[in-house]
C-alpha atoms as a PDB file:
ATOM      1  CA  UNK A   1       0.000   0.000   0.000  1.00  0.00           C
ATOM      2  CA  UNK A   2       0.972   3.626  -0.038  1.00  0.00           C
ATOM      3  CA  UNK A   3      -0.618   5.957   2.496  1.00  0.00           C
ATOM      4  CA  UNK A   4      -2.264   3.164   4.468  1.00  0.00           C
ATOM      5  CA  UNK A   5       0.872   1.047   4.625  1.00  0.00           C
ATOM      6  CA  UNK A   6       1.262   1.605   8.366  1.00  0.00           C
ATOM      7  CA  UNK A   7      -2.096  -0.019   8.983  1.00  0.00           C
ATOM      8  CA  UNK A   8      -0.987  -3.194   7.301  1.00  0.00           C
ATOM      9  CA  UNK A   9       2.209  -3.662   9.194  1.00  0.00           C
ATOM     10  CA  UNK A  10       5.385  -1.778   8.343  1.00  0.00           C
ATOM     11  CA  UNK A  11       7.133  -2.444   5.044  1.00  0.00           C
ATOM     12  CA  UNK A  12       6.091  -5.215   2.699  1.00  0.00           C
ATOM     13  CA  UNK A  13       8.874  -7.715   2.280  1.00  0.00           C
ATOM     14  CA  UNK A  14       9.038  -9.732  -0.894  1.00  0.00           C
ATOM     15  CA  UNK A  15      10.219 -13.296  -0.462  1.00  0.00           C
ATOM     16  CA  UNK A  16      11.750 -15.227  -3.325  1.00  0.00           C
ATOM     17  CA  UNK A  17       9.953 -18.528  -4.057  1.00  0.00           C
ATOM     18  CA  UNK A  18      12.055 -21.476  -2.930  1.00  0.00           C
ATOM     19  CA  UNK A  19      12.117 -25.075  -4.021  1.00  0.00           C
ATOM     20  CA  UNK A  20       9.786 -27.411  -2.191  1.00  0.00           C
ATOM     21  CA  UNK A  21      12.679 -29.294  -0.629  1.00  0.00           C
ATOM     22  CA  UNK A  22      14.496 -26.182   0.526  1.00  0.00           C
ATOM     23  CA  UNK A  23      15.747 -26.604   4.062  1.00  0.00           C
ATOM     24  CA  UNK A  24      14.432 -24.447   6.847  1.00  0.00           C
ATOM     25  CA  UNK A  25      16.743 -22.669   9.228  1.00  0.00           C
ATOM     26  CA  UNK A  26      17.589 -24.455  12.459  1.00  0.00           C
ATOM     27  CA  UNK A  27      15.615 -21.865  14.362  1.00  0.00           C
ATOM     28  CA  UNK A  28      12.546 -22.303  12.153  1.00  0.00           C
ATOM     29  CA  UNK A  29      12.791 -26.103  12.267  1.00  0.00           C
ATOM     30  CA  UNK A  30      12.901 -25.976  16.039  1.00  0.00           C
ATOM     31  CA  UNK A  31       9.919 -23.628  16.062  1.00  0.00           C
ATOM     32  CA  UNK A  32       7.883 -25.952  13.858  1.00  0.00           C
ATOM     33  CA  UNK A  33       8.791 -28.920  16.039  1.00  0.00           C
ATOM     34  CA  UNK A  34       7.393 -27.062  19.049  1.00  0.00           C
ATOM     35  CA  UNK A  35       4.223 -25.785  17.405  1.00  0.00           C
ATOM     36  CA  UNK A  36       2.165 -28.876  18.105  1.00  0.00           C
ATOM     37  CA  UNK A  37       2.735 -28.492  21.825  1.00  0.00           C
ATOM     38  CA  UNK A  38       2.474 -24.703  21.862  1.00  0.00           C
ATOM     39  CA  UNK A  39      -0.076 -23.178  24.256  1.00  0.00           C
ATOM     40  CA  UNK A  40      -0.370 -26.484  26.107  1.00  0.00           C
ATOM     41  CA  UNK A  41      -1.563 -28.466  23.086  1.00  0.00           C
ATOM     42  CA  UNK A  42      -0.595 -32.154  22.756  1.00  0.00           C
ATOM     43  CA  UNK A  43       1.715 -33.258  19.932  1.00  0.00           C
ATOM     44  CA  UNK A  44       0.048 -34.132  16.654  1.00  0.00           C
ATOM     45  CA  UNK A  45       1.548 -37.619  16.785  1.00  0.00           C
ATOM     46  CA  UNK A  46      -0.236 -38.370  20.054  1.00  0.00           C
ATOM     47  CA  UNK A  47      -3.688 -37.367  18.819  1.00  0.00           C
ATOM     48  CA  UNK A  48      -4.970 -40.945  19.079  1.00  0.00           C
ATOM     49  CA  UNK A  49      -3.775 -41.137  22.670  1.00  0.00           C
ATOM     50  CA  UNK A  50      -5.941 -38.155  23.482  1.00  0.00           C
ATOM     51  CA  UNK A  51      -9.138 -40.019  22.687  1.00  0.00           C
ATOM     52  CA  UNK A  52     -10.554 -39.276  26.097  1.00  0.00           C
ATOM     53  CA  UNK A  53     -10.592 -35.562  25.397  1.00  0.00           C
ATOM     54  CA  UNK A  54     -13.633 -33.954  23.787  1.00  0.00           C
ATOM     55  CA  UNK A  55     -13.526 -34.009  20.016  1.00  0.00           C
ATOM     56  CA  UNK A  56     -14.013 -30.263  19.774  1.00  0.00           C
ATOM     57  CA  UNK A  57     -10.982 -29.560  21.954  1.00  0.00           C
ATOM     58  CA  UNK A  58      -8.773 -31.913  19.938  1.00  0.00           C
ATOM     59  CA  UNK A  59      -9.958 -30.345  16.676  1.00  0.00           C
ATOM     60  CA  UNK A  60      -9.239 -26.834  17.979  1.00  0.00           C
ATOM     61  CA  UNK A  61      -5.751 -27.842  19.092  1.00  0.00           C
ATOM     62  CA  UNK A  62      -5.027 -29.519  15.784  1.00  0.00           C
ATOM     63  CA  UNK A  63      -6.294 -26.545  13.805  1.00  0.00           C
ATOM     64  CA  UNK A  64      -4.107 -24.197  15.837  1.00  0.00           C
ATOM     65  CA  UNK A  65      -1.032 -26.381  15.282  1.00  0.00           C
ATOM     66  CA  UNK A  66      -1.703 -26.502  11.536  1.00  0.00           C
ATOM     67  CA  UNK A  67      -2.121 -22.730  11.289  1.00  0.00           C
ATOM     68  CA  UNK A  68       1.024 -22.016  13.305  1.00  0.00           C
ATOM     69  CA  UNK A  69       3.106 -24.491  11.317  1.00  0.00           C
ATOM     70  CA  UNK A  70       1.816 -23.105   8.015  1.00  0.00           C
ATOM     71  CA  UNK A  71       2.463 -19.549   9.187  1.00  0.00           C
ATOM     72  CA  UNK A  72       6.049 -20.374  10.137  1.00  0.00           C
ATOM     73  CA  UNK A  73       6.695 -22.011   6.764  1.00  0.00           C
ATOM     74  CA  UNK A  74       5.036 -19.181   4.825  1.00  0.00           C
ATOM     75  CA  UNK A  75       7.226 -16.728   6.753  1.00  0.00           C
ATOM     76  CA  UNK A  76      10.408 -18.704   6.025  1.00  0.00           C
ATOM     77  CA  UNK A  77       9.827 -19.845   2.457  1.00  0.00           C
ATOM     78  CA  UNK A  78       7.173 -17.450   1.220  1.00  0.00           C
ATOM     79  CA  UNK A  79       3.584 -18.270   0.342  1.00  0.00           C
ATOM     80  CA  UNK A  80       4.445 -19.218  -3.237  1.00  0.00           C
ATOM     81  CA  UNK A  81       7.394 -21.320  -2.116  1.00  0.00           C
ATOM     82  CA  UNK A  82       5.354 -23.522   0.233  1.00  0.00           C
ATOM     83  CA  UNK A  83       2.786 -26.187  -0.591  1.00  0.00           C
ATOM     84  CA  UNK A  84       0.472 -28.411   1.439  1.00  0.00           C
ATOM     85  CA  UNK A  85       2.850 -31.350   1.181  1.00  0.00           C
ATOM     86  CA  UNK A  86       5.543 -29.312   2.939  1.00  0.00           C
ATOM     87  CA  UNK A  87       3.153 -28.449   5.734  1.00  0.00           C
ATOM     88  CA  UNK A  88       1.853 -32.000   6.121  1.00  0.00           C
ATOM     89  CA  UNK A  89       5.414 -33.366   6.273  1.00  0.00           C
ATOM     90  CA  UNK A  90       6.435 -30.789   8.891  1.00  0.00           C
ATOM     91  CA  UNK A  91       3.458 -31.782  11.038  1.00  0.00           C
ATOM     92  CA  UNK A  92       3.959 -35.522  10.524  1.00  0.00           C
ATOM     93  CA  UNK A  93       0.446 -35.750   9.098  1.00  0.00           C
ATOM     94  CA  UNK A  94      -0.814 -37.510   6.004  1.00  0.00           C
ATOM     95  CA  UNK A  95      -1.769 -35.223   3.163  1.00  0.00           C
ATOM     96  CA  UNK A  96      -5.400 -36.446   3.158  1.00  0.00           C
ATOM     97  CA  UNK A  97      -5.526 -35.652   6.880  1.00  0.00           C
ATOM     98  CA  UNK A  98      -4.406 -32.090   6.220  1.00  0.00           C
ATOM     99  CA  UNK A  99      -6.723 -31.724   3.221  1.00  0.00           C
ATOM    100  CA  UNK A 100      -9.651 -32.661   5.451  1.00  0.00           C
ATOM    101  CA  UNK A 101      -9.086 -29.508   7.526  1.00  0.00           C
ATOM    102  CA  UNK A 102      -7.743 -27.228   4.787  1.00  0.00           C
ATOM    103  CA  UNK A 103      -8.374 -28.377   1.209  1.00  0.00           C
ATOM    104  CA  UNK A 104      -6.071 -25.741  -0.304  1.00  0.00           C
ATOM    105  CA  UNK A 105      -3.193 -23.450   0.501  1.00  0.00           C
ATOM    106  CA  UNK A 106      -5.503 -20.499  -0.116  1.00  0.00           C
ATOM    107  CA  UNK A 107      -7.841 -21.715   2.640  1.00  0.00           C
ATOM    108  CA  UNK A 108      -4.915 -21.900   5.041  1.00  0.00           C
ATOM    109  CA  UNK A 109      -3.860 -18.347   4.286  1.00  0.00           C
ATOM    110  CA  UNK A 110      -7.461 -17.196   4.507  1.00  0.00           C
ATOM    111  CA  UNK A 111      -7.721 -18.713   8.002  1.00  0.00           C
ATOM    112  CA  UNK A 112      -4.521 -16.961   9.072  1.00  0.00           C
ATOM    113  CA  UNK A 113      -5.809 -13.625   7.793  1.00  0.00           C
ATOM    114  CA  UNK A 114      -9.140 -14.100   9.548  1.00  0.00           C
ATOM    115  CA  UNK A 115      -7.273 -14.890  12.749  1.00  0.00           C
ATOM    116  CA  UNK A 116      -5.435 -11.588  12.388  1.00  0.00           C
ATOM    117  CA  UNK A 117      -7.798  -9.046  10.906  1.00  0.00           C
ATOM    118  CA  UNK A 118     -11.291 -10.116  11.928  1.00  0.00           C
ATOM    119  CA  UNK A 119     -10.558 -10.795  15.603  1.00  0.00           C
ATOM    120  CA  UNK A 120      -8.594  -7.541  15.798  1.00  0.00           C
ATOM    121  CA  UNK A 121     -11.496  -5.703  14.181  1.00  0.00           C
ATOM    122  CA  UNK A 122     -13.944  -7.071  16.750  1.00  0.00           C
ATOM    123  CA  UNK A 123     -11.669  -6.111  19.639  1.00  0.00           C
ATOM    124  CA  UNK A 124     -11.188  -2.555  18.368  1.00  0.00           C
ATOM    125  CA  UNK A 125     -14.932  -2.147  17.897  1.00  0.00           C
ATOM    126  CA  UNK A 126     -15.523  -3.273  21.485  1.00  0.00           C
ATOM    127  CA  UNK A 127     -13.005  -0.793  22.869  1.00  0.00           C
ATOM    128  CA  UNK A 128     -14.468   2.023  20.770  1.00  0.00           C
ATOM    129  CA  UNK A 129     -17.956   1.295  22.155  1.00  0.00           C
ATOM    130  CA  UNK A 130     -16.873   1.062  25.784  1.00  0.00           C
ATOM    131  CA  UNK A 131     -14.539   4.072  25.806  1.00  0.00           C
ATOM    132  CA  UNK A 132     -16.400   6.545  23.604  1.00  0.00           C
ATOM    133  CA  UNK A 133     -16.196   9.425  26.093  1.00  0.00           C
ATOM    134  CA  UNK A 134     -12.556   8.857  27.108  1.00  0.00           C
ATOM    135  CA  UNK A 135     -10.344   9.297  24.028  1.00  0.00           C
ATOM    136  CA  UNK A 136      -7.048   9.312  25.929  1.00  0.00           C
ATOM    137  CA  UNK A 137      -7.840   6.112  27.808  1.00  0.00           C
ATOM    138  CA  UNK A 138      -9.324   4.559  24.670  1.00  0.00           C
ATOM    139  CA  UNK A 139      -6.165   5.255  22.664  1.00  0.00           C
ATOM    140  CA  UNK A 140      -3.937   3.915  25.428  1.00  0.00           C
ATOM    141  CA  UNK A 141      -6.069   0.786  25.727  1.00  0.00           C
ATOM    142  CA  UNK A 142      -6.263   0.172  21.972  1.00  0.00           C
ATOM    143  CA  UNK A 143      -2.504   0.426  21.510  1.00  0.00           C
ATOM    144  CA  UNK A 144      -1.764  -1.712  24.553  1.00  0.00           C
ATOM    145  CA  UNK A 145      -4.223  -4.495  23.749  1.00  0.00           C
ATOM    146  CA  UNK A 146      -3.416  -4.645  20.048  1.00  0.00           C
ATOM    147  CA  UNK A 147       0.336  -4.648  20.736  1.00  0.00           C
ATOM    148  CA  UNK A 148      -0.035  -7.581  23.128  1.00  0.00           C
ATOM    149  CA  UNK A 149      -2.237  -9.350  20.602  1.00  0.00           C
ATOM    150  CA  UNK A 150       0.217  -8.687  17.760  1.00  0.00           C
ATOM    151  CA  UNK A 151       3.172 -10.035  19.743  1.00  0.00           C
ATOM    152  CA  UNK A 152       1.145 -13.163  20.475  1.00  0.00           C
ATOM    153  CA  UNK A 153       0.501 -13.548  16.715  1.00  0.00           C
ATOM    154  CA  UNK A 154       3.919 -12.365  15.595  1.00  0.00           C
ATOM    155  CA  UNK A 155       4.535 -15.012  12.916  1.00  0.00           C
ATOM    156  CA  UNK A 156       0.978 -14.740  11.562  1.00  0.00           C
ATOM    157  CA  UNK A 157       1.372 -11.000  11.144  1.00  0.00           C
ATOM    158  CA  UNK A 158       4.698 -11.338   9.362  1.00  0.00           C
ATOM    159  CA  UNK A 159       3.180 -13.900   6.997  1.00  0.00           C
ATOM    160  CA  UNK A 160       0.355 -11.546   6.061  1.00  0.00           C
ATOM    161  CA  UNK A 161       2.755  -8.686   5.508  1.00  0.00           C
ATOM    162  CA  UNK A 162       5.050 -10.804   3.359  1.00  0.00           C
ATOM    163  CA  UNK A 163       2.312 -12.536   1.373  1.00  0.00           C
ATOM    164  CA  UNK A 164      -0.055  -9.616   0.852  1.00  0.00           C
ATOM    165  CA  UNK A 165       0.815  -9.141  -2.821  1.00  0.00           C
ATOM    166  CA  UNK A 166       0.225 -12.865  -3.505  1.00  0.00           C
ATOM    167  CA  UNK A 167      -3.312 -12.993  -2.123  1.00  0.00           C
ATOM    168  CA  UNK A 168      -6.183 -14.000  -4.401  1.00  0.00           C
ATOM    169  CA  UNK A 169      -8.247 -10.987  -5.475  1.00  0.00           C
ATOM    170  CA  UNK A 170     -11.256 -11.688  -3.240  1.00  0.00           C
ATOM    171  CA  UNK A 171      -9.102 -12.390  -0.199  1.00  0.00           C
ATOM    172  CA  UNK A 172      -7.028  -9.288  -0.819  1.00  0.00           C
ATOM    173  CA  UNK A 173     -10.191  -7.171  -1.048  1.00  0.00           C
ATOM    174  CA  UNK A 174     -11.520  -8.640   2.213  1.00  0.00           C
ATOM    175  CA  UNK A 175      -8.223  -8.018   3.958  1.00  0.00           C
ATOM    176  CA  UNK A 176      -8.040  -4.432   2.692  1.00  0.00           C
ATOM    177  CA  UNK A 177     -11.591  -3.749   3.886  1.00  0.00           C
ATOM    178  CA  UNK A 178     -10.798  -5.098   7.347  1.00  0.00           C
ATOM    179  CA  UNK A 179      -7.625  -3.012   7.575  1.00  0.00           C
ATOM    180  CA  UNK A 180      -9.566   0.115   6.646  1.00  0.00           C
ATOM    181  CA  UNK A 181     -12.085  -0.598   9.403  1.00  0.00           C
ATOM    182  CA  UNK A 182      -9.304  -1.148  11.935  1.00  0.00           C
ATOM    183  CA  UNK A 183      -7.622   2.089  10.957  1.00  0.00           C
ATOM    184  CA  UNK A 184     -10.968   3.917  11.069  1.00  0.00           C
ATOM    185  CA  UNK A 185     -11.405   2.920  14.722  1.00  0.00           C
ATOM    186  CA  UNK A 186      -8.055   4.503  15.551  1.00  0.00           C
ATOM    187  CA  UNK A 187      -8.831   7.615  13.498  1.00  0.00           C
ATOM    188  CA  UNK A 188     -12.186   7.931  15.263  1.00  0.00           C
ATOM    189  CA  UNK A 189     -10.585   7.898  18.707  1.00  0.00           C
ATOM    190  CA  UNK A 190      -8.119  10.606  17.686  1.00  0.00           C
ATOM    191  CA  UNK A 191     -10.891  12.718  16.135  1.00  0.00           C
ATOM    192  CA  UNK A 192     -12.914  12.529  19.357  1.00  0.00           C
ATOM    193  CA  UNK A 193      -9.853  13.546  21.344  1.00  0.00           C
ATOM    194  CA  UNK A 194      -9.328  16.577  19.131  1.00  0.00           C
ATOM    195  CA  UNK A 195     -12.997  17.565  19.318  1.00  0.00           C
ATOM    196  CA  UNK A 196     -13.039  17.587  23.139  1.00  0.00           C
ATOM    197  CA  UNK A 197      -9.674  19.329  23.375  1.00  0.00           C
ATOM    198  CA  UNK A 198      -7.753  16.371  24.809  1.00  0.00           C
ATOM    199  CA  UNK A 199      -5.573  15.912  21.720  1.00  0.00           C
ATOM    200  CA  UNK A 200      -3.757  18.481  19.627  1.00  0.00           C
ATOM    201  CA  UNK A 201      -5.414  19.344  16.277  1.00  0.00           C
ATOM    202  CA  UNK A 202      -3.207  17.014  14.260  1.00  0.00           C
ATOM    203  CA  UNK A 203      -4.294  15.274  11.060  1.00  0.00           C
ATOM    204  CA  UNK A 204      -6.160  12.263  12.528  1.00  0.00           C
ATOM    205  CA  UNK A 205      -5.428   9.964   9.588  1.00  0.00           C
ATOM    206  CA  UNK A 206      -1.696  10.651   9.555  1.00  0.00           C
ATOM    207  CA  UNK A 207      -1.511  10.336  13.347  1.00  0.00           C
ATOM    208  CA  UNK A 208      -3.360   6.981  13.220  1.00  0.00           C
ATOM    209  CA  UNK A 209      -1.005   5.659  10.538  1.00  0.00           C
ATOM    210  CA  UNK A 210       2.038   6.763  12.540  1.00  0.00           C
ATOM    211  CA  UNK A 211       0.794   5.067  15.713  1.00  0.00           C
ATOM    212  CA  UNK A 212      -0.209   1.903  13.853  1.00  0.00           C
ATOM    213  CA  UNK A 213       3.167   1.767  12.129  1.00  0.00           C
ATOM    214  CA  UNK A 214       5.025   2.118  15.440  1.00  0.00           C
ATOM    215  CA  UNK A 215       2.981  -0.712  16.919  1.00  0.00           C
ATOM    216  CA  UNK A 216       3.076  -3.004  13.881  1.00  0.00           C
ATOM    217  CA  UNK A 217       6.837  -2.821  13.538  1.00  0.00           C
ATOM    218  CA  UNK A 218       7.170  -4.751  16.813  1.00  0.00           C
ATOM    219  CA  UNK A 219       6.298  -7.905  14.860  1.00  0.00           C
ATOM    220  CA  UNK A 220       9.691  -7.612  13.164  1.00  0.00           C
ATOM    221  CA  UNK A 221      12.015  -6.647  16.015  1.00  0.00           C
ATOM    222  CA  UNK A 222      10.445  -8.306  19.073  1.00  0.00           C
ATOM    223  CA  UNK A 223      12.360 -11.291  20.490  1.00  0.00           C
ATOM    224  CA  UNK A 224      10.586 -13.559  23.010  1.00  0.00           C
ATOM    225  CA  UNK A 225      13.852 -13.952  24.921  1.00  0.00           C
ATOM    226  CA  UNK A 226      14.561 -10.202  24.945  1.00  0.00           C
ATOM    227  CA  UNK A 227      15.006  -8.105  28.072  1.00  0.00           C
ATOM    228  CA  UNK A 228      11.478  -6.611  27.961  1.00  0.00           C
ATOM    229  CA  UNK A 229       8.257  -8.557  28.361  1.00  0.00           C
ATOM    230  CA  UNK A 230       5.345  -8.091  25.925  1.00  0.00           C
ATOM    231  CA  UNK A 231       3.425  -6.254  28.663  1.00  0.00           C
ATOM    232  CA  UNK A 232       6.299  -3.827  29.236  1.00  0.00           C
ATOM    233  CA  UNK A 233       6.588  -3.155  25.503  1.00  0.00           C
ATOM    234  CA  UNK A 234       2.824  -2.695  25.160  1.00  0.00           C
ATOM    235  CA  UNK A 235       2.689  -0.249  28.076  1.00  0.00           C
ATOM    236  CA  UNK A 236       5.585   1.769  26.674  1.00  0.00           C
ATOM    237  CA  UNK A 237       4.078   2.015  23.182  1.00  0.00           C
ATOM    238  CA  UNK A 238       0.653   2.904  24.579  1.00  0.00           C
ATOM    239  CA  UNK A 239       2.118   5.784  26.570  1.00  0.00           C
ATOM    240  CA  UNK A 240       4.185   6.962  23.577  1.00  0.00           C
ATOM    241  CA  UNK A 241       1.063   6.921  21.393  1.00  0.00           C
ATOM    242  CA  UNK A 242      -0.923   9.045  23.838  1.00  0.00           C
ATOM    243  CA  UNK A 243       1.909  11.517  24.375  1.00  0.00           C
ATOM    244  CA  UNK A 244       2.340  11.923  20.624  1.00  0.00           C
ATOM    245  CA  UNK A 245      -1.117  13.517  20.295  1.00  0.00           C
ATOM    246  CA  UNK A 246      -2.014  14.755  23.784  1.00  0.00           C
ATOM    247  CA  UNK A 247      -2.246  18.496  24.355  1.00  0.00           C
ATOM    248  CA  UNK A 248      -0.043  20.082  26.973  1.00  0.00           C
ATOM    249  CA  UNK A 249      -1.860  20.352  30.295  1.00  0.00           C
ATOM    250  CA  UNK A 250      -3.600  23.673  30.864  1.00  0.00           C
ATOM    251  CA  UNK A 251      -1.463  24.293  33.938  1.00  0.00           C
ATOM    252  CA  UNK A 252       1.514  24.753  31.647  1.00  0.00           C
ATOM    253  CA  UNK A 253       0.028  28.172  30.786  1.00  0.00           C
ATOM    254  CA  UNK A 254       1.431  29.351  34.128  1.00  0.00           C
ATOM    255  CA  UNK A 255       4.905  29.054  32.672  1.00  0.00           C
ATOM    256  CA  UNK A 256       6.874  32.284  32.754  1.00  0.00           C
ATOM    257  CA  UNK A 257       8.187  31.638  29.259  1.00  0.00           C
ATOM    258  CA  UNK A 258       6.466  33.637  26.540  1.00  0.00           C
ATOM    259  CA  UNK A 259       7.021  30.872  23.989  1.00  0.00           C
ATOM    260  CA  UNK A 260       5.061  28.406  26.180  1.00  0.00           C
ATOM    261  CA  UNK A 261       2.103  30.783  26.434  1.00  0.00           C
ATOM    262  CA  UNK A 262       2.178  31.439  22.683  1.00  0.00           C
ATOM    263  CA  UNK A 263       2.306  27.726  21.875  1.00  0.00           C
ATOM    264  CA  UNK A 264      -0.744  26.998  24.049  1.00  0.00           C
ATOM    265  CA  UNK A 265      -2.567  29.944  22.523  1.00  0.00           C
ATOM    266  CA  UNK A 266      -1.843  28.625  19.016  1.00  0.00           C
ATOM    267  CA  UNK A 267      -3.186  25.215  20.036  1.00  0.00           C
ATOM    268  CA  UNK A 268      -6.394  26.842  21.318  1.00  0.00           C
ATOM    269  CA  UNK A 269      -6.816  28.764  18.066  1.00  0.00           C
ATOM    270  CA  UNK A 270      -6.144  25.614  16.024  1.00  0.00           C
ATOM    271  CA  UNK A 271      -8.686  23.730  18.130  1.00  0.00           C
ATOM    272  CA  UNK A 272     -11.285  26.440  17.547  1.00  0.00           C
ATOM    273  CA  UNK A 273     -10.538  26.391  13.821  1.00  0.00           C
ATOM    274  CA  UNK A 274     -10.987  22.605  13.792  1.00  0.00           C
ATOM    275  CA  UNK A 275     -14.395  22.858  15.491  1.00  0.00           C
ATOM    276  CA  UNK A 276     -15.566  25.587  13.126  1.00  0.00           C
ATOM    277  CA  UNK A 277     -14.796  23.369  10.113  1.00  0.00           C
ATOM    278  CA  UNK A 278     -16.928  20.524  11.445  1.00  0.00           C
END
């Protein structure tokens, strides 16, 4: 994308298609080997041993393992460089077994995108409804929650960013529509903050893109074994987002510096001008 690129997730990286038998990195191979047991799920190979568990729970665990394995391979080899046989082999499943859950590679990518965009869209809509009168708290909450969610879906997000240009037309259109809705929620919060005088009269669309870009870039630099926890990163980004648009407190007008008084006066005039254009 161009102007809305920040809403999609940083810079689009083009991956070169690789041969089907191309080897994965040691790190990626280890990640795939752990995917089946991620989030407390049992290994795929022991599915029959889990017969006492409810069928729905086993199906959910299996679906999650398939999506995470596919996402890791799409991220490493590119969407075009990966096929269902690769994914089935990595999971130790038969191809018919994988086809039963996902009959095509497109369906797998579609499920990954739905996991990312649709659930995020629902969460943003909920926050917007519950925090309509509190733009500062709403913005802080949106950035914090979506950052935590993004770090928990780090590989999925990177796959979408890398594979966006390879999406089928209908899936690309659906993804673009969802991204626009997500960005609109952020723009709406900033607009409300400007209208009530909490935020400076910045361009809401540009400010939303800047905040989204700052948050989305974490998918590329975050390391699970880094010195900061996801919660610490999310809190820091949420505070940075709010401070980037928040107006200086009215008490600052007591400053003895003429430039401080003039700056606050200009903000008041800009706020009035914004309201008059509505």
